[in-house]
Amino acid sequence: MSFPRWRAAGLALTVLAAAPAAALAHPRLVSSTPAAQSRTPPVAAVELRFSEALEPRFSTLTIAREAAGGPVAIEAATATAASDPKTLVARPKAPLAPGAYRVHWRVTSVDTHHVEGDFAFTVK
């Protein structure tokens, strides 16, 4: 007596459905400082917090002034150490002048999924 194919297919679907959702997830941006679309006083750093731990070697963050269109000089954007592996931080080398800025990020989680995105904020 052989195992019916429809039962084998049903068993395979059940196993896939029961797999942990985290194993299939991509990192997503949970919050940022400054917040997207916010008006803020000058900031010392831009911090992005993600839903999963990041792989520091493959995670980047850039800041550009929208009016001038050029990148802002920053210290190396780094994923923070073991104390908070879900946060990516960039510190401008000089205070941000009033105006509109765009942050672009590309991150890779420790399980090798990568995503990217951007958002704007304004310094008052």
PDB file of N, CA and C in Angstrom:
ATOM      1  N   MET A   1       0.845  -1.171   0.000  1.00  0.00           N
ATOM      2  CA  MET A   1       0.000   0.000   0.000  1.00  0.00           C
ATOM      3  C   MET A   1       0.894   1.240   0.000  1.00  0.00           C
ATOM      4  N   SER A   2       0.673   2.121  -0.955  1.00  0.00           N
ATOM      5  CA  SER A   2       1.516   3.309  -1.069  1.00  0.00           C
ATOM      6  C   SER A   2       0.832   4.534  -0.452  1.00  0.00           C
ATOM      7  N   PHE A   3       1.646   5.518  -0.122  1.00  0.00           N
ATOM      8  CA  PHE A   3       1.171   6.768   0.476  1.00  0.00           C
ATOM      9  C   PHE A   3       0.598   7.634  -0.645  1.00  0.00           C
ATOM     10  N   PRO A   4      -0.671   8.014  -0.581  1.00  0.00           N
ATOM     11  CA  PRO A   4      -1.267   8.812  -1.667  1.00  0.00           C
ATOM     12  C   PRO A   4      -0.518  10.142  -1.855  1.00  0.00           C
ATOM     13  N   ARG A   5      -0.407  10.557  -3.111  1.00  0.00           N
ATOM     14  CA  ARG A   5       0.295  11.803  -3.414  1.00  0.00           C
ATOM     15  C   ARG A   5      -0.372  13.007  -2.756  1.00  0.00           C
ATOM     16  N   TRP A   6      -1.686  13.032  -2.701  1.00  0.00           N
ATOM     17  CA  TRP A   6      -2.372  14.183  -2.117  1.00  0.00           C
ATOM     18  C   TRP A   6      -2.058  14.300  -0.637  1.00  0.00           C
ATOM     19  N   ARG A   7      -1.840  13.164   0.041  1.00  0.00           N
ATOM     20  CA  ARG A   7      -1.463  13.221   1.460  1.00  0.00           C
ATOM     21  C   ARG A   7      -0.029  13.732   1.607  1.00  0.00           C
ATOM     22  N   ALA A   8       0.840  13.328   0.719  1.00  0.00           N
ATOM     23  CA  ALA A   8       2.224  13.801   0.767  1.00  0.00           C
ATOM     24  C   ALA A   8       2.270  15.310   0.530  1.00  0.00           C
ATOM     25  N   ALA A   9       1.486  15.788  -0.427  1.00  0.00           N
ATOM     26  CA  ALA A   9       1.442  17.224  -0.702  1.00  0.00           C
ATOM     27  C   ALA A   9       0.866  17.974   0.491  1.00  0.00           C
ATOM     28  N   GLY A  10      -0.179  17.427   1.090  1.00  0.00           N
ATOM     29  CA  GLY A  10      -0.777  18.057   2.268  1.00  0.00           C
ATOM     30  C   GLY A  10       0.197  18.105   3.431  1.00  0.00           C
ATOM     31  N   LEU A  11       0.953  17.046   3.627  1.00  0.00           N
ATOM     32  CA  LEU A  11       1.953  17.014   4.696  1.00  0.00           C
ATOM     33  C   LEU A  11       3.043  18.060   4.445  1.00  0.00           C
ATOM     34  N   ALA A  12       3.492  18.183   3.205  1.00  0.00           N
ATOM     35  CA  ALA A  12       4.517  19.171   2.869  1.00  0.00           C
ATOM     36  C   ALA A  12       4.007  20.588   3.122  1.00  0.00           C
ATOM     37  N   LEU A  13       2.780  20.873   2.748  1.00  0.00           N
ATOM     38  CA  LEU A  13       2.203  22.206   2.994  1.00  0.00           C
ATOM     39  C   LEU A  13       2.051  22.490   4.479  1.00  0.00           C
ATOM     40  N   THR A  14       1.686  21.492   5.243  1.00  0.00           N
ATOM     41  CA  THR A  14       1.558  21.667   6.690  1.00  0.00           C
ATOM     42  C   THR A  14       2.903  21.996   7.325  1.00  0.00           C
ATOM     43  N   VAL A  15       3.941  21.305   6.903  1.00  0.00           N
ATOM     44  CA  VAL A  15       5.283  21.563   7.431  1.00  0.00           C
ATOM     45  C   VAL A  15       5.734  22.975   7.079  1.00  0.00           C
ATOM     46  N   LEU A  16       5.502  23.400   5.838  1.00  0.00           N
ATOM     47  CA  LEU A  16       5.883  24.751   5.433  1.00  0.00           C
ATOM     48  C   LEU A  16       5.102  25.811   6.203  1.00  0.00           C
ATOM     49  N   ALA A  17       3.830  25.579   6.410  1.00  0.00           N
ATOM     50  CA  ALA A  17       3.002  26.543   7.131  1.00  0.00           C
ATOM     51  C   ALA A  17       3.424  26.653   8.595  1.00  0.00           C
ATOM     52  N   ALA A  18       3.941  25.587   9.138  1.00  0.00           N
ATOM     53  CA  ALA A  18       4.349  25.587  10.543  1.00  0.00           C
ATOM     54  C   ALA A  18       5.751  26.152  10.755  1.00  0.00           C
ATOM     55  N   ALA A  19       6.501  26.406   9.682  1.00  0.00           N
ATOM     56  CA  ALA A  19       7.861  26.949   9.809  1.00  0.00           C
ATOM     57  C   ALA A  19       7.794  28.304  10.491  1.00  0.00           C
ATOM     58  N   PRO A  20       8.767  28.613  11.322  1.00  0.00           N
ATOM     59  CA  PRO A  20       8.758  29.907  12.001  1.00  0.00           C
ATOM     60  C   PRO A  20       8.736  31.062  11.015  1.00  0.00           C
ATOM     61  N   ALA A  21       7.877  32.038  11.254  1.00  0.00           N
ATOM     62  CA  ALA A  21       7.755  33.193  10.370  1.00  0.00           C
ATOM     63  C   ALA A  21       9.059  33.975  10.320  1.00  0.00           C
ATOM     64  N   ALA A  22       9.788  34.022  11.409  1.00  0.00           N
ATOM     65  CA  ALA A  22      11.036  34.783  11.444  1.00  0.00           C
ATOM     66  C   ALA A  22      12.050  34.241  10.450  1.00  0.00           C
ATOM     67  N   ALA A  23      12.008  32.955  10.205  1.00  0.00           N
ATOM     68  CA  ALA A  23      12.971  32.370   9.281  1.00  0.00           C
ATOM     69  C   ALA A  23      12.714  32.835   7.853  1.00  0.00           C
ATOM     70  N   LEU A  24      11.518  33.301   7.565  1.00  0.00           N
ATOM     71  CA  LEU A  24      11.159  33.732   6.229  1.00  0.00           C
ATOM     72  C   LEU A  24      11.113  35.253   6.113  1.00  0.00           C
ATOM     73  N   ALA A  25      11.348  35.970   7.183  1.00  0.00           N
ATOM     74  CA  ALA A  25      11.172  37.420   7.207  1.00  0.00           C
ATOM     75  C   ALA A  25      12.396  38.166   6.711  1.00  0.00           C
ATOM     76  N   HIS A  26      12.155  39.379   6.230  1.00  0.00           N
ATOM     77  CA  HIS A  26      13.213  40.310   5.867  1.00  0.00           C
ATOM     78  C   HIS A  26      13.270  41.377   6.954  1.00  0.00           C
ATOM     79  N   PRO A  27      14.434  41.996   7.148  1.00  0.00           N
ATOM     80  CA  PRO A  27      14.478  43.064   8.141  1.00  0.00           C
ATOM     81  C   PRO A  27      13.597  44.217   7.674  1.00  0.00           C
ATOM     82  N   ARG A  28      12.911  44.851   8.605  1.00  0.00           N
ATOM     83  CA  ARG A  28      12.103  46.022   8.256  1.00  0.00           C
ATOM     84  C   ARG A  28      12.457  47.148   9.205  1.00  0.00           C
ATOM     85  N   LEU A  29      12.365  48.342   8.699  1.00  0.00           N
ATOM     86  CA  LEU A  29      12.653  49.520   9.506  1.00  0.00           C
ATOM     87  C   LEU A  29      11.530  49.682  10.520  1.00  0.00           C
ATOM     88  N   VAL A  30      11.879  49.668  11.805  1.00  0.00           N
ATOM     89  CA  VAL A  30      10.899  49.792  12.886  1.00  0.00           C
ATOM     90  C   VAL A  30      10.725  51.249  13.276  1.00  0.00           C
ATOM     91  N   SER A  31      11.844  51.985  13.405  1.00  0.00           N
ATOM     92  CA  SER A  31      11.777  53.399  13.762  1.00  0.00           C
ATOM     93  C   SER A  31      13.074  54.090  13.373  1.00  0.00           C
ATOM     94  N   SER A  32      13.025  55.420  13.364  1.00  0.00           N
ATOM     95  CA  SER A  32      14.220  56.191  13.054  1.00  0.00           C
ATOM     96  C   SER A  32      14.248  57.460  13.892  1.00  0.00           C
ATOM     97  N   THR A  33      15.467  57.943  14.146  1.00  0.00           N
ATOM     98  CA  THR A  33      15.672  59.227  14.805  1.00  0.00           C
ATOM     99  C   THR A  33      16.646  59.992  13.932  1.00  0.00           C
ATOM    100  N   PRO A  34      16.209  61.097  13.321  1.00  0.00           N
ATOM    101  CA  PRO A  34      14.884  61.679  13.382  1.00  0.00           C
ATOM    102  C   PRO A  34      13.871  60.830  12.616  1.00  0.00           C
ATOM    103  N   ALA A  35      12.618  61.050  12.945  1.00  0.00           N
ATOM    104  CA  ALA A  35      11.541  60.293  12.298  1.00  0.00           C
ATOM    105  C   ALA A  35      11.364  60.760  10.854  1.00  0.00           C
ATOM    106  N   ALA A  36      10.870  59.864  10.019  1.00  0.00           N
ATOM    107  CA  ALA A  36      10.588  60.204   8.622  1.00  0.00           C
ATOM    108  C   ALA A  36       9.587  61.356   8.572  1.00  0.00           C
ATOM    109  N   GLN A  37       9.825  62.280   7.660  1.00  0.00           N
ATOM    110  CA  GLN A  37       8.970  63.437   7.414  1.00  0.00           C
ATOM    111  C   GLN A  37       8.900  64.410   8.592  1.00  0.00           C
ATOM    112  N   SER A  38       9.819  64.309   9.544  1.00  0.00           N
ATOM    113  CA  SER A  38       9.773  65.188  10.714  1.00  0.00           C
ATOM    114  C   SER A  38      10.541  66.479  10.470  1.00  0.00           C
ATOM    115  N   ARG A  39      10.242  67.481  11.290  1.00  0.00           N
ATOM    116  CA  ARG A  39      11.011  68.724  11.372  1.00  0.00           C
ATOM    117  C   ARG A  39      11.702  68.670  12.719  1.00  0.00           C
ATOM    118  N   THR A  40      13.014  68.751  12.710  1.00  0.00           N
ATOM    119  CA  THR A  40      13.779  68.511  13.919  1.00  0.00           C
ATOM    120  C   THR A  40      14.875  69.559  14.108  1.00  0.00           C
ATOM    121  N   PRO A  41      15.274  69.815  15.345  1.00  0.00           N
ATOM    122  CA  PRO A  41      16.478  70.625  15.530  1.00  0.00           C
ATOM    123  C   PRO A  41      17.681  69.817  15.037  1.00  0.00           C
ATOM    124  N   PRO A  42      18.849  70.450  14.881  1.00  0.00           N
ATOM    125  CA  PRO A  42      20.029  69.694  14.423  1.00  0.00           C
ATOM    126  C   PRO A  42      20.256  68.437  15.276  1.00  0.00           C
ATOM    127  N   VAL A  43      20.650  67.376  14.607  1.00  0.00           N
ATOM    128  CA  VAL A  43      20.870  66.097  15.284  1.00  0.00           C
ATOM    129  C   VAL A  43      22.344  65.715  15.214  1.00  0.00           C
ATOM    130  N   ALA A  44      22.810  65.013  16.232  1.00  0.00           N
ATOM    131  CA  ALA A  44      24.195  64.548  16.268  1.00  0.00           C
ATOM    132  C   ALA A  44      24.363  63.239  15.511  1.00  0.00           C
ATOM    133  N   ALA A  45      23.260  62.508  15.327  1.00  0.00           N
ATOM    134  CA  ALA A  45      23.325  61.212  14.655  1.00  0.00           C
ATOM    135  C   ALA A  45      21.976  60.865  14.050  1.00  0.00           C
ATOM    136  N   VAL A  46      22.013  60.018  13.049  1.00  0.00           N
ATOM    137  CA  VAL A  46      20.803  59.418  12.486  1.00  0.00           C
ATOM    138  C   VAL A  46      20.834  57.957  12.886  1.00  0.00           C
ATOM    139  N   GLU A  47      19.780  57.510  13.556  1.00  0.00           N
ATOM    140  CA  GLU A  47      19.713  56.125  14.024  1.00  0.00           C
ATOM    141  C   GLU A  47      18.506  55.429  13.420  1.00  0.00           C
ATOM    142  N   LEU A  48      18.733  54.258  12.871  1.00  0.00           N
ATOM    143  CA  LEU A  48      17.665  53.436  12.307  1.00  0.00           C
ATOM    144  C   LEU A  48      17.594  52.141  13.085  1.00  0.00           C
ATOM    145  N   ARG A  49      16.408  51.772  13.527  1.00  0.00           N
ATOM    146  CA  ARG A  49      16.211  50.533  14.261  1.00  0.00           C
ATOM    147  C   ARG A  49      15.393  49.568  13.405  1.00  0.00           C
ATOM    148  N   PHE A  50      15.901  48.342  13.307  1.00  0.00           N
ATOM    149  CA  PHE A  50      15.289  47.330  12.451  1.00  0.00           C
ATOM    150  C   PHE A  50      14.711  46.174  13.264  1.00  0.00           C
ATOM    151  N   SER A  51      13.915  45.360  12.597  1.00  0.00           N
ATOM    152  CA  SER A  51      13.232  44.238  13.249  1.00  0.00           C
ATOM    153  C   SER A  51      14.142  43.043  13.488  1.00  0.00           C
ATOM    154  N   GLU A  52      15.296  43.021  12.850  1.00  0.00           N
ATOM    155  CA  GLU A  52      16.216  41.889  12.978  1.00  0.00           C
ATOM    156  C   GLU A  52      17.644  42.381  13.171  1.00  0.00           C
ATOM    157  N   ALA A  53      18.492  41.538  13.700  1.00  0.00           N
ATOM    158  CA  ALA A  53      19.909  41.870  13.848  1.00  0.00           C
ATOM    159  C   ALA A  53      20.534  42.042  12.465  1.00  0.00           C
ATOM    160  N   LEU A  54      21.448  43.014  12.365  1.00  0.00           N
ATOM    161  CA  LEU A  54      22.070  43.347  11.088  1.00  0.00           C
ATOM    162  C   LEU A  54      23.472  42.768  10.970  1.00  0.00           C
ATOM    163  N   GLU A  55      23.886  42.566   9.738  1.00  0.00           N
ATOM    164  CA  GLU A  55      25.258  42.170   9.430  1.00  0.00           C
ATOM    165  C   GLU A  55      26.015  43.468   9.149  1.00  0.00           C
ATOM    166  N   PRO A  56      26.856  43.928  10.080  1.00  0.00           N
ATOM    167  CA  PRO A  56      27.490  45.246   9.949  1.00  0.00           C
ATOM    168  C   PRO A  56      28.271  45.456   8.654  1.00  0.00           C
ATOM    169  N   ARG A  57      28.963  44.440   8.176  1.00  0.00           N
ATOM    170  CA  ARG A  57      29.793  44.600   6.968  1.00  0.00           C
ATOM    171  C   ARG A  57      28.975  44.893   5.723  1.00  0.00           C
ATOM    172  N   PHE A  58      27.686  44.546   5.734  1.00  0.00           N
ATOM    173  CA  PHE A  58      26.860  44.697   4.538  1.00  0.00           C
ATOM    174  C   PHE A  58      25.682  45.638   4.753  1.00  0.00           C
ATOM    175  N   SER A  59      25.788  46.533   5.713  1.00  0.00           N
ATOM    176  CA  SER A  59      24.714  47.478   6.015  1.00  0.00           C
ATOM    177  C   SER A  59      25.259  48.898   5.923  1.00  0.00           C
ATOM    178  N   THR A  60      24.569  49.744   5.144  1.00  0.00           N
ATOM    179  CA  THR A  60      25.038  51.110   4.932  1.00  0.00           C
ATOM    180  C   THR A  60      23.911  52.114   5.105  1.00  0.00           C
ATOM    181  N   LEU A  61      24.313  53.351   5.377  1.00  0.00           N
ATOM    182  CA  LEU A  61      23.375  54.453   5.540  1.00  0.00           C
ATOM    183  C   LEU A  61      24.054  55.701   5.004  1.00  0.00           C
ATOM    184  N   THR A  62      23.365  56.451   4.140  1.00  0.00           N
ATOM    185  CA  THR A  62      23.899  57.711   3.641  1.00  0.00           C
ATOM    186  C   THR A  62      22.885  58.819   3.898  1.00  0.00           C
ATOM    187  N   ILE A  63      23.403  60.037   4.028  1.00  0.00           N
ATOM    188  CA  ILE A  63      22.561  61.220   4.224  1.00  0.00           C
ATOM    189  C   ILE A  63      22.930  62.199   3.117  1.00  0.00           C
ATOM    190  N   ALA A  64      21.933  62.772   2.436  1.00  0.00           N
ATOM    191  CA  ALA A  64      22.188  63.751   1.381  1.00  0.00           C
ATOM    192  C   ALA A  64      21.313  64.968   1.605  1.00  0.00           C
ATOM    193  N   ARG A  65      21.871  66.125   1.338  1.00  0.00           N
ATOM    194  CA  ARG A  65      21.098  67.367   1.401  1.00  0.00           C
ATOM    195  C   ARG A  65      20.300  67.449   0.115  1.00  0.00           C
ATOM    196  N   GLU A  66      18.975  67.583   0.217  1.00  0.00           N
ATOM    197  CA  GLU A  66      18.140  67.532  -0.978  1.00  0.00           C
ATOM    198  C   GLU A  66      18.332  68.747  -1.877  1.00  0.00           C
ATOM    199  N   ALA A  67      18.423  69.932  -1.329  1.00  0.00           N
ATOM    200  CA  ALA A  67      18.562  71.131  -2.156  1.00  0.00           C
ATOM    201  C   ALA A  67      19.879  71.116  -2.911  1.00  0.00           C
ATOM    202  N   ALA A  68      20.947  70.794  -2.240  1.00  0.00           N
ATOM    203  CA  ALA A  68      22.263  70.776  -2.870  1.00  0.00           C
ATOM    204  C   ALA A  68      22.503  69.472  -3.623  1.00  0.00           C
ATOM    205  N   GLY A  69      21.781  68.446  -3.238  1.00  0.00           N
ATOM    206  CA  GLY A  69      21.901  67.166  -3.915  1.00  0.00           C
ATOM    207  C   GLY A  69      23.143  66.364  -3.598  1.00  0.00           C
ATOM    208  N   GLY A  70      23.978  66.866  -2.717  1.00  0.00           N
ATOM    209  CA  GLY A  70      25.223  66.159  -2.427  1.00  0.00           C
ATOM    210  C   GLY A  70      25.169  65.398  -1.122  1.00  0.00           C
ATOM    211  N   PRO A  71      26.050  64.418  -0.988  1.00  0.00           N
ATOM    212  CA  PRO A  71      26.084  63.638   0.245  1.00  0.00           C
ATOM    213  C   PRO A  71      26.667  64.451   1.395  1.00  0.00           C
ATOM    214  N   VAL A  72      26.216  64.131   2.587  1.00  0.00           N
ATOM    215  CA  VAL A  72      26.738  64.723   3.815  1.00  0.00           C
ATOM    216  C   VAL A  72      27.904  63.859   4.269  1.00  0.00           C
ATOM    217  N   ALA A  73      29.009  64.503   4.627  1.00  0.00           N
ATOM    218  CA  ALA A  73      30.157  63.750   5.135  1.00  0.00           C
ATOM    219  C   ALA A  73      29.794  63.177   6.496  1.00  0.00           C
ATOM    220  N   ILE A  74      29.938  61.876   6.640  1.00  0.00           N
ATOM    221  CA  ILE A  74      29.621  61.213   7.906  1.00  0.00           C
ATOM    222  C   ILE A  74      30.797  60.356   8.325  1.00  0.00           C
ATOM    223  N   GLU A  75      30.848  60.116   9.625  1.00  0.00           N
ATOM    224  CA  GLU A  75      31.763  59.087  10.097  1.00  0.00           C
ATOM    225  C   GLU A  75      31.180  57.790   9.561  1.00  0.00           C
ATOM    226  N   ALA A  76      31.922  56.747   9.493  1.00  0.00           N
ATOM    227  CA  ALA A  76      31.425  55.483   8.943  1.00  0.00           C
ATOM    228  C   ALA A  76      30.109  55.105   9.595  1.00  0.00           C
ATOM    229  N   ALA A  77      29.110  54.830   8.777  1.00  0.00           N
ATOM    230  CA  ALA A  77      27.828  54.348   9.303  1.00  0.00           C
ATOM    231  C   ALA A  77      28.044  52.927   9.767  1.00  0.00           C
ATOM    232  N   THR A  78      27.677  52.661  10.989  1.00  0.00           N
ATOM    233  CA  THR A  78      27.954  51.341  11.532  1.00  0.00           C
ATOM    234  C   THR A  78      26.738  50.736  12.193  1.00  0.00           C
ATOM    235  N   ALA A  79      26.617  49.453  12.064  1.00  0.00           N
ATOM    236  CA  ALA A  79      25.642  48.721  12.852  1.00  0.00           C
ATOM    237  C   ALA A  79      26.277  48.603  14.230  1.00  0.00           C
ATOM    238  N   THR A  80      25.514  48.894  15.251  1.00  0.00           N
ATOM    239  CA  THR A  80      26.089  48.890  16.587  1.00  0.00           C
ATOM    240  C   THR A  80      26.458  47.478  17.003  1.00  0.00           C
ATOM    241  N   ALA A  81      27.288  47.402  17.989  1.00  0.00           N
ATOM    242  CA  ALA A  81      27.837  46.117  18.437  1.00  0.00           C
ATOM    243  C   ALA A  81      26.776  45.246  19.097  1.00  0.00           C
ATOM    244  N   ALA A  82      27.207  44.208  19.735  1.00  0.00           N
ATOM    245  CA  ALA A  82      26.336  43.196  20.323  1.00  0.00           C
ATOM    246  C   ALA A  82      25.288  43.777  21.267  1.00  0.00           C
ATOM    247  N   SER A  83      25.543  44.951  21.840  1.00  0.00           N
ATOM    248  CA  SER A  83      24.565  45.537  22.756  1.00  0.00           C
ATOM    249  C   SER A  83      23.252  45.888  22.057  1.00  0.00           C
ATOM    250  N   ASP A  84      23.295  46.206  20.761  1.00  0.00           N
ATOM    251  CA  ASP A  84      22.085  46.525  20.005  1.00  0.00           C
ATOM    252  C   ASP A  84      22.319  46.238  18.525  1.00  0.00           C
ATOM    253  N   PRO A  85      22.354  44.990  18.128  1.00  0.00           N
ATOM    254  CA  PRO A  85      22.688  44.630  16.749  1.00  0.00           C
ATOM    255  C   PRO A  85      21.604  44.972  15.725  1.00  0.00           C
ATOM    256  N   LYS A  86      20.479  45.530  16.183  1.00  0.00           N
ATOM    257  CA  LYS A  86      19.397  45.886  15.270  1.00  0.00           C
ATOM    258  C   LYS A  86      19.425  47.357  14.871  1.00  0.00           C
ATOM    259  N   THR A  87      20.421  48.117  15.329  1.00  0.00           N
ATOM    260  CA  THR A  87      20.463  49.560  15.086  1.00  0.00           C
ATOM    261  C   THR A  87      21.640  49.943  14.199  1.00  0.00           C
ATOM    262  N   LEU A  88      21.364  50.816  13.231  1.00  0.00           N
ATOM    263  CA  LEU A  88      22.374  51.354  12.335  1.00  0.00           C
ATOM    264  C   LEU A  88      22.485  52.851  12.629  1.00  0.00           C
ATOM    265  N   VAL A  89      23.707  53.342  12.819  1.00  0.00           N
ATOM    266  CA  VAL A  89      23.935  54.733  13.229  1.00  0.00           C
ATOM    267  C   VAL A  89      24.909  55.413  12.277  1.00  0.00           C
ATOM    268  N   ALA A  90      24.601  56.664  11.907  1.00  0.00           N
ATOM    269  CA  ALA A  90      25.525  57.503  11.135  1.00  0.00           C
ATOM    270  C   ALA A  90      25.641  58.843  11.843  1.00  0.00           C
ATOM    271  N   ARG A  91      26.871  59.298  12.043  1.00  0.00           N
ATOM    272  CA  ARG A  91      27.127  60.583  12.697  1.00  0.00           C
ATOM    273  C   ARG A  91      27.730  61.552  11.686  1.00  0.00           C
ATOM    274  N   PRO A  92      27.025  62.663  11.381  1.00  0.00           N
ATOM    275  CA  PRO A  92      27.609  63.660  10.478  1.00  0.00           C
ATOM    276  C   PRO A  92      28.899  64.220  11.082  1.00  0.00           C
ATOM    277  N   LYS A  93      29.889  64.516  10.234  1.00  0.00           N
ATOM    278  CA  LYS A  93      31.155  65.072  10.712  1.00  0.00           C
ATOM    279  C   LYS A  93      30.991  66.523  11.151  1.00  0.00           C
ATOM    280  N   ALA A  94      29.974  67.207  10.626  1.00  0.00           N
ATOM    281  CA  ALA A  94      29.671  68.586  11.011  1.00  0.00           C
ATOM    282  C   ALA A  94      28.170  68.680  11.270  1.00  0.00           C
ATOM    283  N   PRO A  95      27.751  69.647  12.091  1.00  0.00           N
ATOM    284  CA  PRO A  95      26.309  69.798  12.343  1.00  0.00           C
ATOM    285  C   PRO A  95      25.546  70.005  11.028  1.00  0.00           C
ATOM    286  N   LEU A  96      24.356  69.434  10.953  1.00  0.00           N
ATOM    287  CA  LEU A  96      23.537  69.587   9.756  1.00  0.00           C
ATOM    288  C   LEU A  96      22.949  70.989   9.724  1.00  0.00           C
ATOM    289  N   ALA A  97      23.132  71.683   8.623  1.00  0.00           N
ATOM    290  CA  ALA A  97      22.570  73.021   8.449  1.00  0.00           C
ATOM    291  C   ALA A  97      21.060  72.901   8.230  1.00  0.00           C
ATOM    292  N   PRO A  98      20.314  73.962   8.519  1.00  0.00           N
ATOM    293  CA  PRO A  98      18.867  73.917   8.252  1.00  0.00           C
ATOM    294  C   PRO A  98      18.603  73.563   6.788  1.00  0.00           C
ATOM    295  N   GLY A  99      17.593  72.743   6.582  1.00  0.00           N
ATOM    296  CA  GLY A  99      17.226  72.335   5.233  1.00  0.00           C
ATOM    297  C   GLY A  99      16.682  70.924   5.207  1.00  0.00           C
ATOM    298  N   ALA A 100      16.368  70.455   4.001  1.00  0.00           N
ATOM    299  CA  ALA A 100      15.786  69.122   3.800  1.00  0.00           C
ATOM    300  C   ALA A 100      16.891  68.107   3.508  1.00  0.00           C
ATOM    301  N   TYR A 101      16.743  66.931   4.099  1.00  0.00           N
ATOM    302  CA  TYR A 101      17.722  65.849   3.935  1.00  0.00           C
ATOM    303  C   TYR A 101      17.004  64.555   3.569  1.00  0.00           C
ATOM    304  N   ARG A 102      17.731  63.679   2.881  1.00  0.00           N
ATOM    305  CA  ARG A 102      17.216  62.351   2.544  1.00  0.00           C
ATOM    306  C   ARG A 102      18.198  61.318   3.061  1.00  0.00           C
ATOM    307  N   VAL A 103      17.654  60.322   3.748  1.00  0.00           N
ATOM    308  CA  VAL A 103      18.439  59.204   4.267  1.00  0.00           C
ATOM    309  C   VAL A 103      18.161  58.001   3.374  1.00  0.00           C
ATOM    310  N   HIS A 104      19.221  57.352   2.914  1.00  0.00           N
ATOM    311  CA  HIS A 104      19.076  56.114   2.146  1.00  0.00           C
ATOM    312  C   HIS A 104      19.813  55.010   2.908  1.00  0.00           C
ATOM    313  N   TRP A 105      19.160  53.875   3.062  1.00  0.00           N
ATOM    314  CA  TRP A 105      19.778  52.757   3.776  1.00  0.00           C
ATOM    315  C   TRP A 105      19.623  51.472   2.988  1.00  0.00           C
ATOM    316  N   ARG A 106      20.607  50.636   3.176  1.00  0.00           N
ATOM    317  CA  ARG A 106      20.593  49.277   2.616  1.00  0.00           C
ATOM    318  C   ARG A 106      21.172  48.390   3.701  1.00  0.00           C
ATOM    319  N   VAL A 107      20.394  47.435   4.155  1.00  0.00           N
ATOM    320  CA  VAL A 107      20.851  46.582   5.247  1.00  0.00           C
ATOM    321  C   VAL A 107      20.718  45.114   4.875  1.00  0.00           C
ATOM    322  N   THR A 108      21.572  44.331   5.506  1.00  0.00           N
ATOM    323  CA  THR A 108      21.523  42.876   5.384  1.00  0.00           C
ATOM    324  C   THR A 108      21.416  42.321   6.787  1.00  0.00           C
ATOM    325  N   SER A 109      20.432  41.475   7.003  1.00  0.00           N
ATOM    326  CA  SER A 109      20.267  40.867   8.322  1.00  0.00           C
ATOM    327  C   SER A 109      21.236  39.703   8.466  1.00  0.00           C
ATOM    328  N   VAL A 110      21.404  39.239   9.695  1.00  0.00           N
ATOM    329  CA  VAL A 110      22.349  38.140   9.934  1.00  0.00           C
ATOM    330  C   VAL A 110      21.930  36.859   9.224  1.00  0.00           C
ATOM    331  N   ASP A 111      20.650  36.749   8.840  1.00  0.00           N
ATOM    332  CA  ASP A 111      20.234  35.570   8.070  1.00  0.00           C
ATOM    333  C   ASP A 111      20.302  35.828   6.559  1.00  0.00           C
ATOM    334  N   THR A 112      21.040  36.875   6.156  1.00  0.00           N
ATOM    335  CA  THR A 112      21.403  37.234   4.774  1.00  0.00           C
ATOM    336  C   THR A 112      20.297  37.871   3.936  1.00  0.00           C
ATOM    337  N   HIS A 113      19.151  38.191   4.499  1.00  0.00           N
ATOM    338  CA  HIS A 113      18.139  38.915   3.733  1.00  0.00           C
ATOM    339  C   HIS A 113      18.530  40.385   3.683  1.00  0.00           C
ATOM    340  N   HIS A 114      18.358  41.011   2.535  1.00  0.00           N
ATOM    341  CA  HIS A 114      18.679  42.435   2.461  1.00  0.00           C
ATOM    342  C   HIS A 114      17.498  43.225   1.897  1.00  0.00           C
ATOM    343  N   VAL A 115      17.391  44.455   2.386  1.00  0.00           N
ATOM    344  CA  VAL A 115      16.363  45.388   1.944  1.00  0.00           C
ATOM    345  C   VAL A 115      16.972  46.786   1.938  1.00  0.00           C
ATOM    346  N   GLU A 116      16.301  47.693   1.252  1.00  0.00           N
ATOM    347  CA  GLU A 116      16.753  49.071   1.263  1.00  0.00           C
ATOM    348  C   GLU A 116      15.557  50.000   1.205  1.00  0.00           C
ATOM    349  N   GLY A 117      15.796  51.254   1.556  1.00  0.00           N
ATOM    350  CA  GLY A 117      14.742  52.238   1.524  1.00  0.00           C
ATOM    351  C   GLY A 117      15.301  53.615   1.800  1.00  0.00           C
ATOM    352  N   ASP A 118      14.416  54.580   1.819  1.00  0.00           N
ATOM    353  CA  ASP A 118      14.840  55.934   2.130  1.00  0.00           C
ATOM    354  C   ASP A 118      13.689  56.717   2.733  1.00  0.00           C
ATOM    355  N   PHE A 119      14.025  57.864   3.318  1.00  0.00           N
ATOM    356  CA  PHE A 119      13.020  58.768   3.858  1.00  0.00           C
ATOM    357  C   PHE A 119      13.653  60.144   3.990  1.00  0.00           C
ATOM    358  N   ALA A 120      12.799  61.151   4.153  1.00  0.00           N
ATOM    359  CA  ALA A 120      13.275  62.529   4.263  1.00  0.00           C
ATOM    360  C   ALA A 120      12.963  63.079   5.641  1.00  0.00           C
ATOM    361  N   PHE A 121      13.741  64.087   6.048  1.00  0.00           N
ATOM    362  CA  PHE A 121      13.451  64.862   7.259  1.00  0.00           C
ATOM    363  C   PHE A 121      14.006  66.264   7.029  1.00  0.00           C
ATOM    364  N   THR A 122      13.570  67.205   7.844  1.00  0.00           N
ATOM    365  CA  THR A 122      14.003  68.589   7.714  1.00  0.00           C
ATOM    366  C   THR A 122      14.609  69.071   9.014  1.00  0.00           C
ATOM    367  N   VAL A 123      15.759  69.732   8.910  1.00  0.00           N
ATOM    368  CA  VAL A 123      16.385  70.368  10.080  1.00  0.00           C
ATOM    369  C   VAL A 123      15.882  71.808  10.110  1.00  0.00           C
ATOM    370  N   LYS A 124      15.364  72.235  11.271  1.00  0.00           N
ATOM    371  CA  LYS A 124      14.836  73.604  11.421  1.00  0.00           C
ATOM    372  C   LYS A 124      15.965  74.604  11.510  1.00  0.00           C
TER     373      LYS A 124
END
